[in-house]
Amino acid sequence: MSRIIFCTFLQKNSEAQDYQSYPGELGKKIYNQISQEAWKKWMIQQTMLINEKKLNMYNINHRKIIEKEMKLFLFKES
């Protein structure tokens, strides 16, 4: 049976992610507060950002941009 959490993005109880999809403390926060549905919405947004801004995920500065955008998108924080 899947884990149910209160998703802070969707503001409702939803099916949790099966595993921590992002490393570190931010990853733990995402795992505990962001549902599968919300994470899928972020993945679509992330893909658009990477393509529009021509970001290279091998570049540490570009990864920092994506992390900042992810915090803003999922948690409304910078």
PDB file of N, CA and C in Angstrom:
ATOM      1  N   MET A   1       0.837  -1.179   0.000  1.00  0.00           N
ATOM      2  CA  MET A   1       0.000   0.000   0.000  1.00  0.00           C
ATOM      3  C   MET A   1       0.884   1.244   0.000  1.00  0.00           C
ATOM      4  N   SER A   2       0.464   2.233  -0.716  1.00  0.00           N
ATOM      5  CA  SER A   2       1.232   3.460  -0.848  1.00  0.00           C
ATOM      6  C   SER A   2       1.078   4.340   0.386  1.00  0.00           C
ATOM      7  N   ARG A   3       2.090   5.111   0.600  1.00  0.00           N
ATOM      8  CA  ARG A   3       2.106   6.075   1.693  1.00  0.00           C
ATOM      9  C   ARG A   3       1.294   7.304   1.285  1.00  0.00           C
ATOM     10  N   ILE A   4       0.486   7.811   2.197  1.00  0.00           N
ATOM     11  CA  ILE A   4      -0.311   9.013   1.946  1.00  0.00           C
ATOM     12  C   ILE A   4       0.258  10.143   2.808  1.00  0.00           C
ATOM     13  N   ILE A   5       0.467  11.292   2.182  1.00  0.00           N
ATOM     14  CA  ILE A   5       0.970  12.466   2.894  1.00  0.00           C
ATOM     15  C   ILE A   5       0.065  13.653   2.599  1.00  0.00           C
ATOM     16  N   PHE A   6       0.197  14.703   3.407  1.00  0.00           N
ATOM     17  CA  PHE A   6      -0.440  15.961   3.064  1.00  0.00           C
ATOM     18  C   PHE A   6       0.542  16.703   2.174  1.00  0.00           C
ATOM     19  N   CYS A   7       0.195  16.879   0.911  1.00  0.00           N
ATOM     20  CA  CYS A   7       1.061  17.538  -0.056  1.00  0.00           C
ATOM     21  C   CYS A   7       0.921  19.053   0.114  1.00  0.00           C
ATOM     22  N   THR A   8       2.027  19.705   0.450  1.00  0.00           N
ATOM     23  CA  THR A   8       1.983  21.150   0.664  1.00  0.00           C
ATOM     24  C   THR A   8       1.804  21.912  -0.650  1.00  0.00           C
ATOM     25  N   PHE A   9       2.139  21.302  -1.758  1.00  0.00           N
ATOM     26  CA  PHE A   9       1.960  21.941  -3.062  1.00  0.00           C
ATOM     27  C   PHE A   9       0.488  21.910  -3.477  1.00  0.00           C
ATOM     28  N   LEU A  10      -0.131  20.741  -3.367  1.00  0.00           N
ATOM     29  CA  LEU A  10      -1.525  20.574  -3.778  1.00  0.00           C
ATOM     30  C   LEU A  10      -2.507  20.937  -2.676  1.00  0.00           C
ATOM     31  N   GLN A  11      -2.010  21.030  -1.450  1.00  0.00           N
ATOM     32  CA  GLN A  11      -2.843  21.338  -0.284  1.00  0.00           C
ATOM     33  C   GLN A  11      -3.951  20.297  -0.078  1.00  0.00           C
ATOM     34  N   LYS A  12      -3.549  19.024  -0.220  1.00  0.00           N
ATOM     35  CA  LYS A  12      -4.485  17.925   0.029  1.00  0.00           C
ATOM     36  C   LYS A  12      -3.706  16.648   0.292  1.00  0.00           C
ATOM     37  N   ASN A  13      -4.366  15.649   0.846  1.00  0.00           N
ATOM     38  CA  ASN A  13      -3.741  14.343   1.043  1.00  0.00           C
ATOM     39  C   ASN A  13      -3.584  13.677  -0.317  1.00  0.00           C
ATOM     40  N   SER A  14      -2.389  13.162  -0.552  1.00  0.00           N
ATOM     41  CA  SER A  14      -2.087  12.541  -1.840  1.00  0.00           C
ATOM     42  C   SER A  14      -1.085  11.414  -1.657  1.00  0.00           C
ATOM     43  N   GLU A  15      -0.950  10.629  -2.700  1.00  0.00           N
ATOM     44  CA  GLU A  15      -0.001   9.521  -2.682  1.00  0.00           C
ATOM     45  C   GLU A  15       1.428  10.060  -2.676  1.00  0.00           C
ATOM     46  N   ALA A  16       2.213   9.584  -1.710  1.00  0.00           N
ATOM     47  CA  ALA A  16       3.603  10.037  -1.567  1.00  0.00           C
ATOM     48  C   ALA A  16       4.500   9.387  -2.620  1.00  0.00           C
ATOM     49  N   GLN A  17       5.663   9.949  -2.763  1.00  0.00           N
ATOM     50  CA  GLN A  17       6.659   9.370  -3.650  1.00  0.00           C
ATOM     51  C   GLN A  17       7.163   8.053  -3.056  1.00  0.00           C
ATOM     52  N   ASP A  18       7.603   7.153  -3.909  1.00  0.00           N
ATOM     53  CA  ASP A  18       8.069   5.839  -3.463  1.00  0.00           C
ATOM     54  C   ASP A  18       9.465   5.898  -2.852  1.00  0.00           C
ATOM     55  N   TYR A  19      10.244   6.878  -3.249  1.00  0.00           N
ATOM     56  CA  TYR A  19      11.626   7.001  -2.768  1.00  0.00           C
ATOM     57  C   TYR A  19      12.033   8.473  -2.807  1.00  0.00           C
ATOM     58  N   GLN A  20      13.106   8.791  -2.125  1.00  0.00           N
ATOM     59  CA  GLN A  20      13.613  10.165  -2.104  1.00  0.00           C
ATOM     60  C   GLN A  20      14.257  10.450  -3.457  1.00  0.00           C
ATOM     61  N   SER A  21      13.657  11.341  -4.224  1.00  0.00           N
ATOM     62  CA  SER A  21      14.088  11.591  -5.605  1.00  0.00           C
ATOM     63  C   SER A  21      15.102  12.714  -5.736  1.00  0.00           C
ATOM     64  N   TYR A  22      15.462  13.349  -4.629  1.00  0.00           N
ATOM     65  CA  TYR A  22      16.437  14.442  -4.643  1.00  0.00           C
ATOM     66  C   TYR A  22      17.304  14.288  -3.399  1.00  0.00           C
ATOM     67  N   PRO A  23      18.600  14.562  -3.489  1.00  0.00           N
ATOM     68  CA  PRO A  23      19.497  14.315  -2.355  1.00  0.00           C
ATOM     69  C   PRO A  23      19.409  15.364  -1.244  1.00  0.00           C
ATOM     70  N   GLY A  24      19.958  15.020  -0.097  1.00  0.00           N
ATOM     71  CA  GLY A  24      20.141  15.964   0.995  1.00  0.00           C
ATOM     72  C   GLY A  24      18.876  16.299   1.766  1.00  0.00           C
ATOM     73  N   GLU A  25      18.996  17.373   2.561  1.00  0.00           N
ATOM     74  CA  GLU A  25      17.876  17.821   3.393  1.00  0.00           C
ATOM     75  C   GLU A  25      16.683  18.268   2.547  1.00  0.00           C
ATOM     76  N   LEU A  26      16.974  18.942   1.437  1.00  0.00           N
ATOM     77  CA  LEU A  26      15.882  19.347   0.544  1.00  0.00           C
ATOM     78  C   LEU A  26      15.163  18.115   0.010  1.00  0.00           C
ATOM     79  N   GLY A  27      15.900  17.077  -0.308  1.00  0.00           N
ATOM     80  CA  GLY A  27      15.304  15.827  -0.774  1.00  0.00           C
ATOM     81  C   GLY A  27      14.392  15.195   0.259  1.00  0.00           C
ATOM     82  N   LYS A  28      14.810  15.250   1.530  1.00  0.00           N
ATOM     83  CA  LYS A  28      13.968  14.720   2.609  1.00  0.00           C
ATOM     84  C   LYS A  28      12.675  15.527   2.728  1.00  0.00           C
ATOM     85  N   LYS A  29      12.798  16.849   2.609  1.00  0.00           N
ATOM     86  CA  LYS A  29      11.618  17.711   2.680  1.00  0.00           C
ATOM     87  C   LYS A  29      10.658  17.399   1.530  1.00  0.00           C
ATOM     88  N   ILE A  30      11.206  17.236   0.336  1.00  0.00           N
ATOM     89  CA  ILE A  30      10.394  16.893  -0.835  1.00  0.00           C
ATOM     90  C   ILE A  30       9.713  15.541  -0.622  1.00  0.00           C
ATOM     91  N   TYR A  31      10.464  14.566  -0.152  1.00  0.00           N
ATOM     92  CA  TYR A  31       9.935  13.219   0.078  1.00  0.00           C
ATOM     93  C   TYR A  31       8.774  13.232   1.061  1.00  0.00           C
ATOM     94  N   ASN A  32       8.887  14.050   2.090  1.00  0.00           N
ATOM     95  CA  ASN A  32       7.871  14.083   3.149  1.00  0.00           C
ATOM     96  C   ASN A  32       6.708  15.028   2.880  1.00  0.00           C
ATOM     97  N   GLN A  33       6.865  15.989   1.975  1.00  0.00           N
ATOM     98  CA  GLN A  33       5.824  16.999   1.785  1.00  0.00           C
ATOM     99  C   GLN A  33       5.274  17.115   0.367  1.00  0.00           C
ATOM    100  N   ILE A  34       5.917  16.476  -0.604  1.00  0.00           N
ATOM    101  CA  ILE A  34       5.498  16.633  -2.005  1.00  0.00           C
ATOM    102  C   ILE A  34       5.034  15.283  -2.560  1.00  0.00           C
ATOM    103  N   SER A  35       3.842  15.268  -3.093  1.00  0.00           N
ATOM    104  CA  SER A  35       3.248  14.030  -3.618  1.00  0.00           C
ATOM    105  C   SER A  35       3.814  13.675  -4.989  1.00  0.00           C
ATOM    106  N   GLN A  36       3.483  12.459  -5.416  1.00  0.00           N
ATOM    107  CA  GLN A  36       3.872  12.017  -6.761  1.00  0.00           C
ATOM    108  C   GLN A  36       3.310  12.952  -7.824  1.00  0.00           C
ATOM    109  N   GLU A  37       2.064  13.323  -7.674  1.00  0.00           N
ATOM    110  CA  GLU A  37       1.412  14.210  -8.646  1.00  0.00           C
ATOM    111  C   GLU A  37       2.125  15.558  -8.733  1.00  0.00           C
ATOM    112  N   ALA A  38       2.438  16.139  -7.590  1.00  0.00           N
ATOM    113  CA  ALA A  38       3.131  17.434  -7.571  1.00  0.00           C
ATOM    114  C   ALA A  38       4.534  17.306  -8.146  1.00  0.00           C
ATOM    115  N   TRP A  39       5.217  16.201  -7.841  1.00  0.00           N
ATOM    116  CA  TRP A  39       6.567  15.998  -8.369  1.00  0.00           C
ATOM    117  C   TRP A  39       6.528  15.883  -9.896  1.00  0.00           C
ATOM    118  N   LYS A  40       5.521  15.233 -10.433  1.00  0.00           N
ATOM    119  CA  LYS A  40       5.380  15.134 -11.891  1.00  0.00           C
ATOM    120  C   LYS A  40       5.176  16.517 -12.506  1.00  0.00           C
ATOM    121  N   LYS A  41       4.402  17.364 -11.832  1.00  0.00           N
ATOM    122  CA  LYS A  41       4.209  18.738 -12.320  1.00  0.00           C
ATOM    123  C   LYS A  41       5.542  19.481 -12.325  1.00  0.00           C
ATOM    124  N   TRP A  42       6.346  19.269 -11.270  1.00  0.00           N
ATOM    125  CA  TRP A  42       7.663  19.907 -11.233  1.00  0.00           C
ATOM    126  C   TRP A  42       8.547  19.390 -12.372  1.00  0.00           C
ATOM    127  N   MET A  43       8.528  18.102 -12.640  1.00  0.00           N
ATOM    128  CA  MET A  43       9.375  17.542 -13.695  1.00  0.00           C
ATOM    129  C   MET A  43       9.038  18.160 -15.057  1.00  0.00           C
ATOM    130  N   ILE A  44       7.780  18.413 -15.310  1.00  0.00           N
ATOM    131  CA  ILE A  44       7.375  19.081 -16.554  1.00  0.00           C
ATOM    132  C   ILE A  44       7.919  20.503 -16.581  1.00  0.00           C
ATOM    133  N   GLN A  45       7.767  21.212 -15.455  1.00  0.00           N
ATOM    134  CA  GLN A  45       8.273  22.586 -15.353  1.00  0.00           C
ATOM    135  C   GLN A  45       9.800  22.618 -15.497  1.00  0.00           C
ATOM    136  N   GLN A  46      10.467  21.667 -14.853  1.00  0.00           N
ATOM    137  CA  GLN A  46      11.931  21.598 -14.933  1.00  0.00           C
ATOM    138  C   GLN A  46      12.393  21.402 -16.372  1.00  0.00           C
ATOM    139  N   THR A  47      11.747  20.518 -17.085  1.00  0.00           N
ATOM    140  CA  THR A  47      12.109  20.262 -18.483  1.00  0.00           C
ATOM    141  C   THR A  47      11.951  21.525 -19.323  1.00  0.00           C
ATOM    142  N   MET A  48      10.861  22.253 -19.093  1.00  0.00           N
ATOM    143  CA  MET A  48      10.649  23.503 -19.830  1.00  0.00           C
ATOM    144  C   MET A  48      11.752  24.509 -19.501  1.00  0.00           C
ATOM    145  N   LEU A  49      12.114  24.629 -18.232  1.00  0.00           N
ATOM    146  CA  LEU A  49      13.174  25.566 -17.831  1.00  0.00           C
ATOM    147  C   LEU A  49      14.512  25.208 -18.459  1.00  0.00           C
ATOM    148  N   ILE A  50      14.851  23.934 -18.420  1.00  0.00           N
ATOM    149  CA  ILE A  50      16.120  23.479 -19.003  1.00  0.00           C
ATOM    150  C   ILE A  50      16.161  23.812 -20.492  1.00  0.00           C
ATOM    151  N   ASN A  51      15.073  23.549 -21.177  1.00  0.00           N
ATOM    152  CA  ASN A  51      15.039  23.809 -22.619  1.00  0.00           C
ATOM    153  C   ASN A  51      15.027  25.299 -22.942  1.00  0.00           C
ATOM    154  N   GLU A  52      14.191  26.066 -22.244  1.00  0.00           N
ATOM    155  CA  GLU A  52      14.068  27.494 -22.536  1.00  0.00           C
ATOM    156  C   GLU A  52      15.341  28.266 -22.206  1.00  0.00           C
ATOM    157  N   LYS A  53      15.969  27.908 -21.087  1.00  0.00           N
ATOM    158  CA  LYS A  53      17.168  28.632 -20.653  1.00  0.00           C
ATOM    159  C   LYS A  53      18.456  27.972 -21.136  1.00  0.00           C
ATOM    160  N   LYS A  54      18.291  26.862 -21.875  1.00  0.00           N
ATOM    161  CA  LYS A  54      19.434  26.122 -22.414  1.00  0.00           C
ATOM    162  C   LYS A  54      20.438  25.759 -21.318  1.00  0.00           C
ATOM    163  N   LEU A  55      19.891  25.175 -20.247  1.00  0.00           N
ATOM    164  CA  LEU A  55      20.717  24.808 -19.100  1.00  0.00           C
ATOM    165  C   LEU A  55      21.391  23.462 -19.327  1.00  0.00           C
ATOM    166  N   ASN A  56      22.584  23.333 -18.779  1.00  0.00           N
ATOM    167  CA  ASN A  56      23.361  22.109 -18.861  1.00  0.00           C
ATOM    168  C   ASN A  56      23.479  21.560 -17.444  1.00  0.00           C
ATOM    169  N   MET A  57      22.927  20.406 -17.186  1.00  0.00           N
ATOM    170  CA  MET A  57      22.917  19.865 -15.835  1.00  0.00           C
ATOM    171  C   MET A  57      24.290  19.393 -15.357  1.00  0.00           C
ATOM    172  N   TYR A  58      25.304  19.418 -16.230  1.00  0.00           N
ATOM    173  CA  TYR A  58      26.677  19.150 -15.795  1.00  0.00           C
ATOM    174  C   TYR A  58      27.317  20.400 -15.214  1.00  0.00           C
ATOM    175  N   ASN A  59      26.707  21.541 -15.427  1.00  0.00           N
ATOM    176  CA  ASN A  59      27.220  22.828 -14.939  1.00  0.00           C
ATOM    177  C   ASN A  59      26.627  23.098 -13.549  1.00  0.00           C
ATOM    178  N   ILE A  60      27.497  23.250 -12.542  1.00  0.00           N
ATOM    179  CA  ILE A  60      27.044  23.443 -11.162  1.00  0.00           C
ATOM    180  C   ILE A  60      26.177  24.693 -11.025  1.00  0.00           C
ATOM    181  N   ASN A  61      26.510  25.756 -11.740  1.00  0.00           N
ATOM    182  CA  ASN A  61      25.716  26.984 -11.666  1.00  0.00           C
ATOM    183  C   ASN A  61      24.322  26.787 -12.246  1.00  0.00           C
ATOM    184  N   HIS A  62      24.212  25.997 -13.283  1.00  0.00           N
ATOM    185  CA  HIS A  62      22.909  25.704 -13.875  1.00  0.00           C
ATOM    186  C   HIS A  62      22.081  24.841 -12.928  1.00  0.00           C
ATOM    187  N   ARG A  63      22.726  23.909 -12.228  1.00  0.00           N
ATOM    188  CA  ARG A  63      22.006  23.083 -11.255  1.00  0.00           C
ATOM    189  C   ARG A  63      21.492  23.930 -10.100  1.00  0.00           C
ATOM    190  N   LYS A  64      22.268  24.939  -9.712  1.00  0.00           N
ATOM    191  CA  LYS A  64      21.820  25.844  -8.655  1.00  0.00           C
ATOM    192  C   LYS A  64      20.594  26.631  -9.104  1.00  0.00           C
ATOM    193  N   ILE A  65      20.575  27.019 -10.364  1.00  0.00           N
ATOM    194  CA  ILE A  65      19.403  27.727 -10.916  1.00  0.00           C
ATOM    195  C   ILE A  65      18.175  26.829 -10.837  1.00  0.00           C
ATOM    196  N   ILE A  66      18.321  25.578 -11.240  1.00  0.00           N
ATOM    197  CA  ILE A  66      17.196  24.640 -11.210  1.00  0.00           C
ATOM    198  C   ILE A  66      16.734  24.405  -9.773  1.00  0.00           C
ATOM    199  N   GLU A  67      17.674  24.271  -8.832  1.00  0.00           N
ATOM    200  CA  GLU A  67      17.289  24.053  -7.433  1.00  0.00           C
ATOM    201  C   GLU A  67      16.518  25.254  -6.889  1.00  0.00           C
ATOM    202  N   LYS A  68      16.974  26.446  -7.225  1.00  0.00           N
ATOM    203  CA  LYS A  68      16.277  27.660  -6.786  1.00  0.00           C
ATOM    204  C   LYS A  68      14.862  27.697  -7.366  1.00  0.00           C
ATOM    205  N   GLU A  69      14.733  27.383  -8.645  1.00  0.00           N
ATOM    206  CA  GLU A  69      13.420  27.356  -9.299  1.00  0.00           C
ATOM    207  C   GLU A  69      12.527  26.272  -8.689  1.00  0.00           C
ATOM    208  N   MET A  70      13.124  25.142  -8.315  1.00  0.00           N
ATOM    209  CA  MET A  70      12.364  24.048  -7.720  1.00  0.00           C
ATOM    210  C   MET A  70      11.800  24.471  -6.365  1.00  0.00           C
ATOM    211  N   LYS A  71      12.616  25.125  -5.536  1.00  0.00           N
ATOM    212  CA  LYS A  71      12.138  25.600  -4.234  1.00  0.00           C
ATOM    213  C   LYS A  71      11.007  26.608  -4.413  1.00  0.00           C
ATOM    214  N   LEU A  72      11.169  27.475  -5.373  1.00  0.00           N
ATOM    215  CA  LEU A  72      10.136  28.481  -5.643  1.00  0.00           C
ATOM    216  C   LEU A  72       8.850  27.811  -6.117  1.00  0.00           C
ATOM    217  N   PHE A  73       8.967  26.857  -7.023  1.00  0.00           N
ATOM    218  CA  PHE A  73       7.806  26.156  -7.589  1.00  0.00           C
ATOM    219  C   PHE A  73       7.077  25.306  -6.537  1.00  0.00           C
ATOM    220  N   LEU A  74       7.826  24.497  -5.805  1.00  0.00           N
ATOM    221  CA  LEU A  74       7.212  23.549  -4.883  1.00  0.00           C
ATOM    222  C   LEU A  74       6.822  24.153  -3.535  1.00  0.00           C
ATOM    223  N   PHE A  75       7.653  25.080  -3.047  1.00  0.00           N
ATOM    224  CA  PHE A  75       7.454  25.578  -1.686  1.00  0.00           C
ATOM    225  C   PHE A  75       7.238  27.090  -1.616  1.00  0.00           C
ATOM    226  N   LYS A  76       7.241  27.762  -2.743  1.00  0.00           N
ATOM    227  CA  LYS A  76       7.095  29.225  -2.793  1.00  0.00           C
ATOM    228  C   LYS A  76       8.184  29.925  -1.989  1.00  0.00           C
ATOM    229  N   GLU A  77       9.387  29.341  -1.993  1.00  0.00           N
ATOM    230  CA  GLU A  77      10.523  29.949  -1.297  1.00  0.00           C
ATOM    231  C   GLU A  77      11.712  30.016  -2.243  1.00  0.00           C
ATOM    232  N   SER A  78      12.598  30.971  -1.987  1.00  0.00           N
ATOM    233  CA  SER A  78      13.771  31.106  -2.860  1.00  0.00           C
ATOM    234  C   SER A  78      15.018  30.604  -2.199  1.00  0.00           C
TER     235      SER A  78
END
